[in-house]
N, C-alpha and C. Protein backbone atom coordinates (compact mmCIF):
# COMPACT_ATOMS: atom_id res chain seq x y z
N MET A 1 -46.31 27.75 -85.60
CA MET A 1 -46.06 29.69 -86.85
C MET A 1 -47.68 29.78 -87.14
N LEU A 2 -48.70 28.62 -87.07
CA LEU A 2 -50.27 28.44 -87.84
C LEU A 2 -50.26 28.90 -86.16
N CYS A 3 -50.10 28.49 -85.45
CA CYS A 3 -50.70 29.27 -83.66
C CYS A 3 -50.37 31.04 -83.41
N GLU A 4 -49.20 31.08 -83.27
CA GLU A 4 -48.76 32.07 -83.50
C GLU A 4 -49.33 33.53 -84.92
N ALA A 5 -49.62 32.75 -85.94
CA ALA A 5 -50.80 34.36 -87.02
C ALA A 5 -51.61 34.21 -86.54
N PHE A 6 -52.69 32.80 -86.07
CA PHE A 6 -53.84 33.31 -84.50
C PHE A 6 -53.73 34.50 -83.58
N SER A 7 -52.55 33.72 -83.32
CA SER A 7 -52.68 34.48 -82.04
C SER A 7 -52.43 35.82 -82.00
N PHE A 8 -51.73 36.25 -82.94
CA PHE A 8 -50.91 37.54 -83.80
C PHE A 8 -52.38 38.81 -84.67
N ALA A 9 -53.39 37.49 -85.20
CA ALA A 9 -54.22 38.08 -85.78
C ALA A 9 -55.39 38.44 -84.29
N GLY A 10 -55.41 37.52 -83.37
CA GLY A 10 -56.44 37.56 -82.69
C GLY A 10 -56.17 38.88 -82.35
N ILE A 11 -55.11 39.05 -81.66
CA ILE A 11 -54.42 40.42 -80.51
C ILE A 11 -54.22 41.26 -80.72
N LEU A 12 -54.45 41.59 -82.86
CA LEU A 12 -55.10 43.01 -84.00
C LEU A 12 -56.46 43.34 -84.03
N CYS A 13 -56.58 41.97 -83.76
CA CYS A 13 -58.99 41.79 -83.68
C CYS A 13 -59.03 42.85 -82.62
N ARG A 14 -58.32 43.00 -81.31
CA ARG A 14 -58.98 43.05 -80.40
C ARG A 14 -58.95 44.52 -80.31
N LEU A 15 -57.45 44.77 -80.34
CA LEU A 15 -57.41 45.90 -80.31
C LEU A 15 -57.42 47.00 -81.65
N TRP A 16 -57.81 46.67 -82.59
CA TRP A 16 -58.74 46.94 -83.31
C TRP A 16 -60.11 47.54 -83.02
N ARG A 17 -61.01 46.42 -82.16
CA ARG A 17 -62.30 46.62 -81.59
C ARG A 17 -61.90 47.87 -80.64
N GLN A 18 -60.80 47.70 -79.92
CA GLN A 18 -60.86 48.42 -78.14
C GLN A 18 -60.77 50.13 -79.30
N THR A 19 -59.92 50.14 -80.00
CA THR A 19 -59.47 51.28 -80.51
C THR A 19 -61.42 51.95 -81.19
N THR A 20 -61.87 51.07 -81.96
CA THR A 20 -63.08 51.19 -82.59
C THR A 20 -64.15 51.27 -82.09
N ILE A 21 -64.12 51.17 -80.42
CA ILE A 21 -65.24 50.82 -79.29
C ILE A 21 -64.78 52.31 -78.30
N LYS A 22 -63.69 53.13 -78.45
CA LYS A 22 -62.90 54.16 -78.21
C LYS A 22 -62.76 54.95 -78.90
N ASN A 23 -63.33 54.92 -80.11
CA ASN A 23 -63.46 56.50 -81.15
C ASN A 23 -64.81 56.89 -81.30
N GLN A 24 -65.81 55.53 -81.06
CA GLN A 24 -67.01 55.96 -81.36
C GLN A 24 -67.42 57.46 -80.84
N MET A 25 -68.66 57.90 -81.42
CA MET A 25 -69.58 58.80 -80.86
C MET A 25 -70.55 58.87 -81.24
N THR A 26 -71.51 59.50 -79.98
CA THR A 26 -73.01 59.58 -80.62
C THR A 26 -73.19 61.05 -80.54
N ARG A 27 -74.10 60.85 -81.95
CA ARG A 27 -74.04 62.10 -82.49
C ARG A 27 -76.15 62.35 -82.33
N ILE A 28 -76.50 63.61 -81.62
CA ILE A 28 -77.25 63.41 -80.85
C ILE A 28 -78.22 65.30 -81.50
N GLY A 29 -79.80 64.62 -82.00
CA GLY A 29 -80.92 65.88 -82.28
C GLY A 29 -81.28 66.26 -80.73
N LEU A 30 -81.75 67.45 -80.48
CA LEU A 30 -81.80 67.96 -79.37
C LEU A 30 -83.26 68.48 -79.94
N ILE A 31 -84.26 67.86 -79.46
CA ILE A 31 -85.35 69.20 -79.53
C ILE A 31 -87.08 70.06 -78.57
N SER A 32 -87.70 70.48 -78.87
CA SER A 32 -88.37 69.97 -77.61
C SER A 32 -89.63 70.87 -77.88
N ASP A 33 -90.55 70.63 -77.04
CA ASP A 33 -91.95 72.02 -77.99
C ASP A 33 -92.09 72.33 -78.37
N THR A 34 -92.68 71.11 -79.02
CA THR A 34 -92.82 70.86 -81.15
C THR A 34 -94.61 72.02 -80.55
N HIS A 35 -95.58 70.77 -79.88
CA HIS A 35 -96.55 71.21 -80.25
C HIS A 35 -97.39 71.14 -80.27
N ASN A 36 -98.13 69.01 -81.29
CA ASN A 36 -98.13 69.40 -82.24
C ASN A 36 -98.09 69.37 -83.70
N TYR A 37 -96.65 69.57 -84.07
CA TYR A 37 -96.28 70.45 -84.94
C TYR A 37 -94.92 69.71 -85.02
N LEU A 38 -94.62 69.08 -86.25
CA LEU A 38 -93.34 68.63 -86.58
C LEU A 38 -92.92 69.36 -88.07
N ASP A 39 -91.77 70.64 -88.35
CA ASP A 39 -91.44 70.97 -89.35
C ASP A 39 -91.04 70.17 -89.66
N GLU A 40 -90.98 70.03 -90.86
CA GLU A 40 -90.26 68.73 -92.53
C GLU A 40 -88.07 68.84 -92.41
N LYS A 41 -88.14 70.49 -91.81
CA LYS A 41 -87.26 70.46 -91.85
C LYS A 41 -86.21 69.59 -90.86
N VAL A 42 -87.22 68.82 -89.86
CA VAL A 42 -86.40 69.30 -88.73
C VAL A 42 -85.93 67.31 -89.50
N PHE A 43 -86.27 66.30 -90.15
CA PHE A 43 -85.99 65.63 -90.58
C PHE A 43 -83.99 66.06 -91.44
N GLU A 44 -84.12 66.91 -92.22
CA GLU A 44 -82.78 66.81 -93.15
C GLU A 44 -81.78 67.50 -91.93
N TYR A 45 -82.54 67.64 -91.34
CA TYR A 45 -81.28 68.79 -89.80
C TYR A 45 -80.48 67.70 -88.71
N PHE A 46 -81.46 66.48 -89.04
CA PHE A 46 -81.45 65.31 -87.76
C PHE A 46 -81.02 64.15 -88.39
N LYS A 47 -81.01 63.99 -89.83
CA LYS A 47 -80.13 62.87 -91.31
C LYS A 47 -78.83 62.36 -90.68
N ASP A 48 -77.85 62.93 -89.68
CA ASP A 48 -76.95 62.08 -89.26
C ASP A 48 -76.74 61.99 -88.09
N VAL A 49 -78.23 61.80 -87.28
CA VAL A 49 -77.24 61.82 -86.21
C VAL A 49 -77.84 60.62 -85.81
N ASP A 50 -77.45 60.32 -84.95
CA ASP A 50 -77.45 58.57 -84.34
C ASP A 50 -78.75 58.53 -82.99
N GLU A 51 -79.45 59.51 -82.16
CA GLU A 51 -80.29 59.48 -81.40
C GLU A 51 -81.16 61.11 -81.42
N ILE A 52 -82.30 60.93 -81.24
CA ILE A 52 -83.13 62.64 -80.97
C ILE A 52 -83.35 61.96 -79.99
N TRP A 53 -83.36 62.87 -79.39
CA TRP A 53 -83.72 63.63 -77.41
C TRP A 53 -85.08 64.64 -77.52
N HIS A 54 -86.32 64.67 -76.80
CA HIS A 54 -87.39 65.16 -77.39
C HIS A 54 -87.37 65.63 -75.66
N GLY A 55 -87.76 66.89 -74.88
CA GLY A 55 -87.53 68.07 -73.66
C GLY A 55 -88.68 68.24 -73.22
N GLY A 56 -89.46 67.15 -73.85
CA GLY A 56 -90.96 67.57 -73.81
C GLY A 56 -92.19 67.71 -74.86
N ASP A 57 -93.55 68.14 -74.92
CA ASP A 57 -94.38 68.80 -75.18
C ASP A 57 -94.73 68.57 -76.42
N PHE A 58 -94.91 67.31 -76.54
CA PHE A 58 -94.90 66.93 -77.74
C PHE A 58 -96.02 67.11 -78.94
N GLY A 59 -97.07 67.03 -77.24
CA GLY A 59 -98.34 67.99 -78.46
C GLY A 59 -99.41 65.93 -78.30
N ASP A 60 -98.82 65.49 -79.77
CA ASP A 60 -99.66 64.02 -79.37
C ASP A 60 -98.96 62.66 -79.56
N ALA A 61 -99.29 61.54 -80.11
CA ALA A 61 -98.31 60.62 -80.48
C ALA A 61 -97.76 60.08 -81.39
N ALA A 62 -98.37 61.72 -82.79
CA ALA A 62 -98.21 61.44 -84.18
C ALA A 62 -96.69 62.17 -83.64
N ILE A 63 -96.31 63.09 -83.76
CA ILE A 63 -95.22 63.42 -83.05
C ILE A 63 -94.00 62.24 -82.82
N ALA A 64 -94.56 62.01 -81.91
CA ALA A 64 -93.16 61.19 -81.34
C ALA A 64 -92.93 59.53 -81.92
N GLY A 65 -94.14 59.32 -82.54
CA GLY A 65 -94.64 58.50 -83.71
C GLY A 65 -93.44 58.28 -85.04
N ALA A 66 -93.75 59.67 -85.80
CA ALA A 66 -92.48 59.97 -86.51
C ALA A 66 -90.93 60.73 -86.66
N LEU A 67 -90.76 61.23 -85.33
CA LEU A 67 -89.79 61.17 -84.82
C LEU A 67 -89.22 59.67 -84.61
N LYS A 68 -89.57 58.25 -83.87
CA LYS A 68 -88.80 57.74 -83.58
C LYS A 68 -88.99 56.56 -85.19
N ALA A 69 -89.69 56.80 -85.83
CA ALA A 69 -89.60 55.77 -87.20
C ALA A 69 -88.65 56.38 -87.77
N PHE A 70 -87.96 57.68 -87.81
CA PHE A 70 -86.43 58.18 -87.86
C PHE A 70 -85.35 58.36 -87.13
N LYS A 71 -85.51 58.00 -86.22
CA LYS A 71 -84.30 57.63 -85.71
C LYS A 71 -83.68 57.19 -84.17
N PRO A 72 -83.87 56.45 -83.53
CA PRO A 72 -84.33 56.02 -82.21
C PRO A 72 -84.61 57.44 -81.47
N LEU A 73 -85.63 57.11 -80.63
CA LEU A 73 -85.86 58.38 -79.46
C LEU A 73 -85.97 58.20 -78.35
N ARG A 74 -85.52 59.07 -77.60
CA ARG A 74 -85.63 59.18 -76.03
C ARG A 74 -86.20 60.98 -75.64
N GLY A 75 -86.98 60.76 -75.17
CA GLY A 75 -88.30 61.87 -74.29
C GLY A 75 -88.88 61.79 -73.53
N VAL A 76 -89.60 62.55 -72.50
CA VAL A 76 -89.92 62.79 -71.41
C VAL A 76 -91.20 63.84 -72.06
N TYR A 77 -92.15 63.50 -71.18
CA TYR A 77 -93.74 64.14 -71.12
C TYR A 77 -93.56 65.88 -70.93
N GLY A 78 -94.44 66.25 -71.27
CA GLY A 78 -94.28 67.79 -70.61
C GLY A 78 -95.87 68.48 -70.01
N ASN A 79 -95.97 69.65 -70.31
CA ASN A 79 -96.80 69.56 -69.11
C ASN A 79 -98.43 69.54 -70.33
N ILE A 80 -98.42 70.10 -71.08
CA ILE A 80 -99.53 70.52 -72.17
C ILE A 80 -99.61 68.33 -72.92
N ASP A 81 -98.94 67.61 -72.75
CA ASP A 81 -98.73 66.28 -73.15
C ASP A 81 -100.26 65.55 -72.07
N GLY A 82 -100.52 64.41 -72.94
CA GLY A 82 -101.74 63.70 -72.93
C GLY A 82 -101.48 62.35 -72.47
N TYR A 83 -102.19 61.86 -72.51
CA TYR A 83 -101.60 60.25 -71.78
C TYR A 83 -100.98 59.41 -72.95
N ASP A 84 -101.41 59.95 -74.03
CA ASP A 84 -101.08 58.83 -75.06
C ASP A 84 -99.30 59.27 -74.48
N ILE A 85 -98.63 60.40 -74.21
CA ILE A 85 -97.70 60.13 -74.74
C ILE A 85 -97.00 59.48 -72.64
N SER A 86 -97.40 60.52 -71.68
CA SER A 86 -97.16 60.06 -70.79
C SER A 86 -96.62 58.89 -69.90
N SER A 87 -97.73 57.61 -71.09
CA SER A 87 -98.19 56.56 -70.75
C SER A 87 -96.45 56.18 -71.91
N GLU A 88 -95.95 56.79 -72.29
CA GLU A 88 -94.47 56.46 -73.18
C GLU A 88 -93.37 56.22 -73.17
N PHE A 89 -93.52 58.12 -71.96
CA PHE A 89 -92.34 59.21 -71.73
C PHE A 89 -92.62 59.14 -70.38
N PRO A 90 -91.78 58.45 -69.85
CA PRO A 90 -91.04 59.29 -68.11
C PRO A 90 -91.58 60.76 -67.55
N GLU A 91 -91.76 61.15 -66.66
CA GLU A 91 -91.94 62.68 -66.12
C GLU A 91 -89.99 63.27 -66.47
N GLU A 92 -89.51 62.47 -66.37
CA GLU A 92 -87.83 62.92 -65.82
C GLU A 92 -87.17 60.97 -66.89
N LEU A 93 -86.39 61.50 -66.98
CA LEU A 93 -85.01 60.27 -67.51
C LEU A 93 -83.69 60.78 -66.85
N ILE A 94 -83.58 59.58 -67.40
CA ILE A 94 -81.71 59.87 -66.13
C ILE A 94 -81.70 58.64 -67.07
N PHE A 95 -79.93 58.15 -67.68
CA PHE A 95 -79.67 57.76 -68.19
C PHE A 95 -78.16 58.12 -68.87
N MET A 96 -77.36 57.04 -68.96
CA MET A 96 -75.96 57.08 -69.42
C MET A 96 -75.84 56.83 -71.24
N CYS A 97 -75.50 58.24 -71.78
CA CYS A 97 -74.37 57.94 -73.41
C CYS A 97 -72.68 58.52 -73.40
N GLU A 98 -72.69 57.42 -74.01
CA GLU A 98 -71.10 57.19 -73.70
C GLU A 98 -70.85 56.66 -72.50
N GLU A 99 -70.23 57.85 -71.75
CA GLU A 99 -69.74 57.84 -70.51
C GLU A 99 -69.89 59.86 -69.73
N VAL A 100 -71.20 60.04 -70.38
CA VAL A 100 -71.93 61.26 -70.72
C VAL A 100 -73.31 60.90 -69.16
N LYS A 101 -73.56 60.57 -68.22
CA LYS A 101 -74.61 61.45 -67.26
C LYS A 101 -76.41 62.20 -67.96
N VAL A 102 -76.46 62.10 -68.40
CA VAL A 102 -77.82 63.39 -68.40
C VAL A 102 -79.12 62.50 -67.53
N PHE A 103 -79.51 63.68 -67.69
CA PHE A 103 -80.81 64.02 -66.82
C PHE A 103 -81.50 65.16 -67.81
N ILE A 104 -82.33 64.29 -67.94
CA ILE A 104 -83.80 65.24 -68.72
C ILE A 104 -85.27 65.12 -68.93
N LYS A 105 -86.00 66.61 -67.69
CA LYS A 105 -86.98 67.37 -67.91
C LYS A 105 -87.64 68.02 -67.49
N HIS A 106 -89.41 67.68 -68.44
CA HIS A 106 -89.58 69.07 -69.24
C HIS A 106 -89.57 70.43 -68.22
N ILE A 107 -90.02 70.20 -67.22
CA ILE A 107 -90.57 71.92 -66.48
C ILE A 107 -88.39 71.68 -65.42
N GLY A 108 -87.88 72.95 -65.85
CA GLY A 108 -86.60 71.48 -65.11
C GLY A 108 -85.86 73.22 -64.50
N GLY A 109 -86.21 74.13 -65.03
CA GLY A 109 -85.77 75.40 -64.92
C GLY A 109 -83.77 75.98 -65.33
N TYR A 110 -82.85 76.56 -65.17
CA TYR A 110 -81.78 76.55 -65.64
C TYR A 110 -80.36 76.84 -64.33
N PRO A 111 -79.74 76.62 -65.07
CA PRO A 111 -78.65 77.60 -62.96
C PRO A 111 -79.14 78.61 -62.70
N GLY A 112 -79.02 78.63 -61.64
CA GLY A 112 -79.62 79.89 -60.35
C GLY A 112 -81.01 79.25 -60.04
N ARG A 113 -81.64 79.23 -61.02
CA ARG A 113 -83.14 79.28 -61.56
C ARG A 113 -83.35 77.70 -61.58
N TYR A 114 -83.55 77.07 -60.47
CA TYR A 114 -83.83 75.19 -61.45
C TYR A 114 -84.80 74.90 -60.47
N GLU A 115 -85.81 74.70 -61.18
CA GLU A 115 -87.20 73.92 -60.47
C GLU A 115 -87.41 73.26 -59.17
N PRO A 116 -88.65 73.37 -58.93
CA PRO A 116 -88.34 72.20 -56.67
C PRO A 116 -88.32 71.19 -57.60
N GLY A 117 -86.94 70.78 -56.75
CA GLY A 117 -86.41 69.59 -56.76
C GLY A 117 -85.77 68.94 -57.81
N VAL A 118 -85.16 69.70 -59.05
CA VAL A 118 -84.27 69.73 -59.12
C VAL A 118 -82.57 69.52 -59.75
N LYS A 119 -82.42 71.20 -58.83
CA LYS A 119 -81.43 70.71 -58.66
C LYS A 119 -80.97 69.73 -57.34
N ASN A 120 -81.71 69.21 -56.20
CA ASN A 120 -81.84 68.50 -55.59
C ASN A 120 -81.07 67.01 -56.49
N THR A 121 -82.43 66.54 -58.16
CA THR A 121 -81.33 66.00 -58.63
C THR A 121 -80.56 65.89 -58.83
N ILE A 122 -79.91 67.06 -58.61
CA ILE A 122 -78.84 67.19 -59.89
C ILE A 122 -77.39 66.79 -58.97
N ILE A 123 -78.23 66.42 -57.70
CA ILE A 123 -76.90 67.10 -56.80
C ILE A 123 -76.53 65.52 -56.47
N LYS A 124 -78.07 64.48 -56.14
CA LYS A 124 -77.85 63.38 -55.90
C LYS A 124 -77.26 62.55 -57.28
N GLU A 125 -77.86 63.08 -58.40
CA GLU A 125 -77.16 61.85 -59.58
C GLU A 125 -76.11 62.67 -60.37
N LYS A 126 -75.21 64.05 -59.62
CA LYS A 126 -74.53 64.22 -60.25
C LYS A 126 -74.61 63.81 -62.33
N PRO A 127 -75.45 64.53 -63.13
CA PRO A 127 -75.31 63.95 -64.69
C PRO A 127 -74.81 64.79 -64.67
N GLN A 128 -73.91 64.89 -65.65
CA GLN A 128 -72.85 65.81 -66.65
C GLN A 128 -73.35 67.01 -67.52
N LEU A 129 -75.02 66.50 -67.53
CA LEU A 129 -75.93 67.38 -68.28
C LEU A 129 -77.46 67.41 -68.26
N PHE A 130 -77.89 68.43 -68.72
CA PHE A 130 -79.09 68.55 -68.01
C PHE A 130 -79.64 69.52 -69.35
N ILE A 131 -80.76 68.42 -69.40
CA ILE A 131 -81.89 69.28 -70.66
C ILE A 131 -83.29 69.12 -69.80
N SER A 132 -83.78 70.61 -70.35
CA SER A 132 -85.00 70.66 -70.20
C SER A 132 -85.94 71.61 -71.21
N GLY A 133 -87.14 71.14 -71.59
CA GLY A 133 -87.68 72.15 -71.90
C GLY A 133 -88.48 73.36 -71.39
N HIS A 134 -89.84 73.65 -72.27
CA HIS A 134 -91.51 74.21 -71.64
C HIS A 134 -91.18 76.22 -71.38
N SER A 135 -90.06 76.20 -71.24
CA SER A 135 -89.93 77.96 -71.85
C SER A 135 -89.80 78.48 -72.97
N HIS A 136 -89.59 77.66 -74.09
CA HIS A 136 -89.19 77.84 -75.15
C HIS A 136 -88.47 78.94 -75.04
N ILE A 137 -87.49 79.32 -74.78
CA ILE A 137 -86.18 79.75 -74.98
C ILE A 137 -85.10 79.00 -74.52
N LEU A 138 -84.00 79.51 -75.83
CA LEU A 138 -83.49 78.49 -75.83
C LEU A 138 -82.20 79.11 -75.27
N LYS A 139 -81.03 78.48 -74.32
CA LYS A 139 -79.99 78.13 -73.21
C LYS A 139 -79.12 77.38 -73.41
N ILE A 140 -77.78 77.57 -73.26
CA ILE A 140 -77.17 76.44 -73.15
C ILE A 140 -75.40 76.97 -72.49
N MET A 141 -76.24 76.53 -70.96
CA MET A 141 -74.75 77.26 -69.76
C MET A 141 -74.83 76.50 -69.11
N TYR A 142 -73.49 76.45 -69.14
CA TYR A 142 -72.71 75.43 -67.07
C TYR A 142 -73.36 76.64 -65.94
N ASP A 143 -73.41 75.14 -65.42
CA ASP A 143 -73.29 75.17 -63.62
C ASP A 143 -72.35 74.96 -63.02
N ASP A 144 -71.46 76.23 -62.95
CA ASP A 144 -70.01 76.18 -61.93
C ASP A 144 -69.95 74.44 -61.04
N LYS A 145 -71.31 75.86 -60.21
CA LYS A 145 -71.69 74.86 -58.36
C LYS A 145 -71.56 73.43 -59.08
N LEU A 146 -72.37 73.17 -59.56
CA LEU A 146 -72.80 71.66 -60.05
C LEU A 146 -72.26 71.35 -60.80
N GLN A 147 -71.23 71.39 -61.48
CA GLN A 147 -70.50 71.02 -61.96
C GLN A 147 -71.68 70.48 -63.80
N CYS A 148 -72.26 70.75 -64.23
CA CYS A 148 -73.05 70.22 -65.21
C CYS A 148 -73.70 71.15 -66.38
N LEU A 149 -73.96 70.73 -67.87
CA LEU A 149 -73.96 71.44 -68.62
C LEU A 149 -74.97 71.68 -68.95
N HIS A 150 -75.75 72.66 -68.54
CA HIS A 150 -77.17 72.74 -69.05
C HIS A 150 -77.61 72.97 -70.65
N ILE A 151 -78.72 72.17 -70.58
CA ILE A 151 -79.15 73.17 -72.51
C ILE A 151 -81.34 73.19 -72.68
N ASN A 152 -81.68 74.08 -72.94
CA ASN A 152 -82.79 74.25 -73.43
C ASN A 152 -83.01 74.45 -74.60
N PRO A 153 -83.26 72.78 -75.55
CA PRO A 153 -83.36 73.77 -77.47
C PRO A 153 -84.05 75.32 -77.69
N GLY A 154 -85.03 75.45 -76.35
CA GLY A 154 -86.13 76.60 -77.16
C GLY A 154 -87.32 75.17 -77.70
N ALA A 155 -88.19 76.22 -78.87
CA ALA A 155 -89.29 75.90 -78.77
C ALA A 155 -88.75 74.66 -80.59
N ALA A 156 -89.76 73.77 -81.07
CA ALA A 156 -89.01 73.78 -82.13
C ALA A 156 -91.06 73.93 -82.47
N GLY A 157 -91.88 73.99 -82.63
CA GLY A 157 -93.63 74.61 -82.58
C GLY A 157 -94.00 75.13 -83.11
N LEU A 158 -94.81 75.67 -82.84
CA LEU A 158 -95.96 76.79 -83.22
C LEU A 158 -95.95 77.77 -82.27
N GLN A 159 -96.60 76.79 -81.03
CA GLN A 159 -97.35 77.25 -80.56
C GLN A 159 -96.14 78.37 -79.14
N GLY A 160 -96.69 79.65 -78.83
CA GLY A 160 -95.82 79.85 -77.14
C GLY A 160 -94.92 81.74 -78.49
N TRP A 161 -94.51 81.68 -77.43
CA TRP A 161 -94.40 83.67 -77.47
C TRP A 161 -93.55 82.84 -78.28
N HIS A 162 -92.25 82.74 -78.63
CA HIS A 162 -90.59 82.46 -79.02
C HIS A 162 -90.65 83.07 -80.89
N LYS A 163 -90.13 83.68 -81.28
CA LYS A 163 -89.67 84.20 -81.88
C LYS A 163 -89.66 83.64 -83.18
N VAL A 164 -88.53 82.53 -83.38
CA VAL A 164 -87.52 81.90 -84.23
C VAL A 164 -88.42 80.35 -83.44
N LYS A 165 -88.51 79.01 -84.24
CA LYS A 165 -88.32 77.89 -83.70
C LYS A 165 -86.44 77.58 -84.25
N THR A 166 -86.60 76.58 -82.98
CA THR A 166 -84.68 76.38 -82.70
C THR A 166 -84.57 74.63 -82.67
N LEU A 167 -83.42 73.53 -82.97
CA LEU A 167 -83.66 73.11 -82.55
C LEU A 167 -81.49 72.81 -82.21
N VAL A 168 -80.88 71.71 -81.12
CA VAL A 168 -79.97 72.04 -81.03
C VAL A 168 -79.44 70.65 -81.89
N ARG A 169 -77.69 70.32 -81.92
CA ARG A 169 -77.33 69.54 -82.62
C ARG A 169 -75.79 69.46 -81.85
N PHE A 170 -76.08 68.49 -80.76
CA PHE A 170 -74.32 68.15 -80.23
C PHE A 170 -73.81 66.76 -80.68
N VAL A 171 -72.64 66.25 -80.10
CA VAL A 171 -71.48 65.18 -80.41
C VAL A 171 -71.12 65.08 -78.40
N ILE A 172 -71.67 63.36 -78.26
CA ILE A 172 -70.71 63.47 -76.98
C ILE A 172 -69.94 62.15 -77.58
N ASP A 173 -68.70 63.17 -76.82
CA ASP A 173 -68.04 61.37 -77.66
C ASP A 173 -66.63 61.37 -76.21
N GLY A 174 -67.15 60.09 -76.30
CA GLY A 174 -66.54 59.69 -74.37
C GLY A 174 -67.50 60.16 -73.29
N ALA A 175 -66.35 61.29 -72.60
CA ALA A 175 -66.86 62.09 -71.55
C ALA A 175 -67.06 63.32 -71.95
N ALA A 176 -67.58 63.30 -73.53
CA ALA A 176 -66.98 65.34 -73.40
C ALA A 176 -68.48 65.54 -74.89
N ILE A 177 -68.54 66.39 -74.31
CA ILE A 177 -69.38 66.66 -74.86
C ILE A 177 -68.91 68.41 -75.62
N LYS A 178 -69.60 68.32 -76.84
CA LYS A 178 -68.77 69.19 -78.18
C LYS A 178 -69.96 69.34 -79.81
N ASN A 179 -68.95 70.34 -80.43
CA ASN A 179 -70.10 70.90 -81.90
C ASN A 179 -71.53 71.02 -81.78
N CYS A 180 -71.19 71.96 -80.21
CA CYS A 180 -72.73 71.84 -79.88
C CYS A 180 -72.64 73.13 -81.07
N GLU A 181 -74.22 72.77 -82.09
CA GLU A 181 -74.69 73.67 -82.28
C GLU A 181 -76.25 74.18 -82.60
N VAL A 182 -76.47 75.15 -82.48
CA VAL A 182 -77.68 76.00 -82.28
C VAL A 182 -78.77 76.03 -83.85
N ILE A 183 -79.43 75.52 -84.32
CA ILE A 183 -79.86 75.80 -85.48
C ILE A 183 -81.46 76.49 -85.52
N GLU A 184 -81.69 77.29 -86.35
CA GLU A 184 -82.83 78.24 -86.67
C GLU A 184 -83.61 77.83 -87.65
N LEU A 185 -85.17 77.07 -87.44
CA LEU A 185 -85.67 76.62 -88.25
C LEU A 185 -86.81 77.73 -89.01
N GLY A 186 -86.76 79.33 -88.53
CA GLY A 186 -87.32 79.81 -89.24
C GLY A 186 -88.24 80.15 -88.56
N LYS A 187 -88.39 81.64 -89.05
CA LYS A 187 -89.97 81.88 -87.78
C LYS A 187 -90.97 81.54 -87.64
N ARG A 188 -91.50 81.79 -85.93
CA ARG A 188 -92.40 80.66 -85.48
C ARG A 188 -93.74 80.95 -86.44
N GLY A 189 -94.05 82.14 -86.67
CA GLY A 189 -95.73 82.03 -87.64
C GLY A 189 -95.54 82.24 -88.89
């Protein structure tokens, strides 16, 4: 009888673990083009995310440090970033988040107007999500031909020609990318 109880408990425990792992999701806070400026509102909007992803042009290591001290951080360096950032973050990043393959590159373009080499990387690596920055233009669009969602969160910093500082939040749940939210931090100036 005792063995049956432990055996039954073991089965229940394994089922609970499988269900828990299966129902787990990752909440992402996406930011780019901070250019040495980190709005305090970022911490409020990202308080419930599991990870922060930065699309490049941090500005300096203090911005990366503040974000890393707050939440786990992934990112790439951008064209204005110096050695302090490029020595810590790669030019491009390809990784799995749950069942979604992610490709991040600062200067990447967007569907129909990818920067040189980016389309080839998407074809070769087959990510379901491609993230870029650089343009300061918020853009969320699906590439039907390459079967890949593109997100550029716009710019969260003060430098550039964008009028409104923006962020993006979304959830990766298994193979699904969902609950995408655009957040306006206010006017650039």
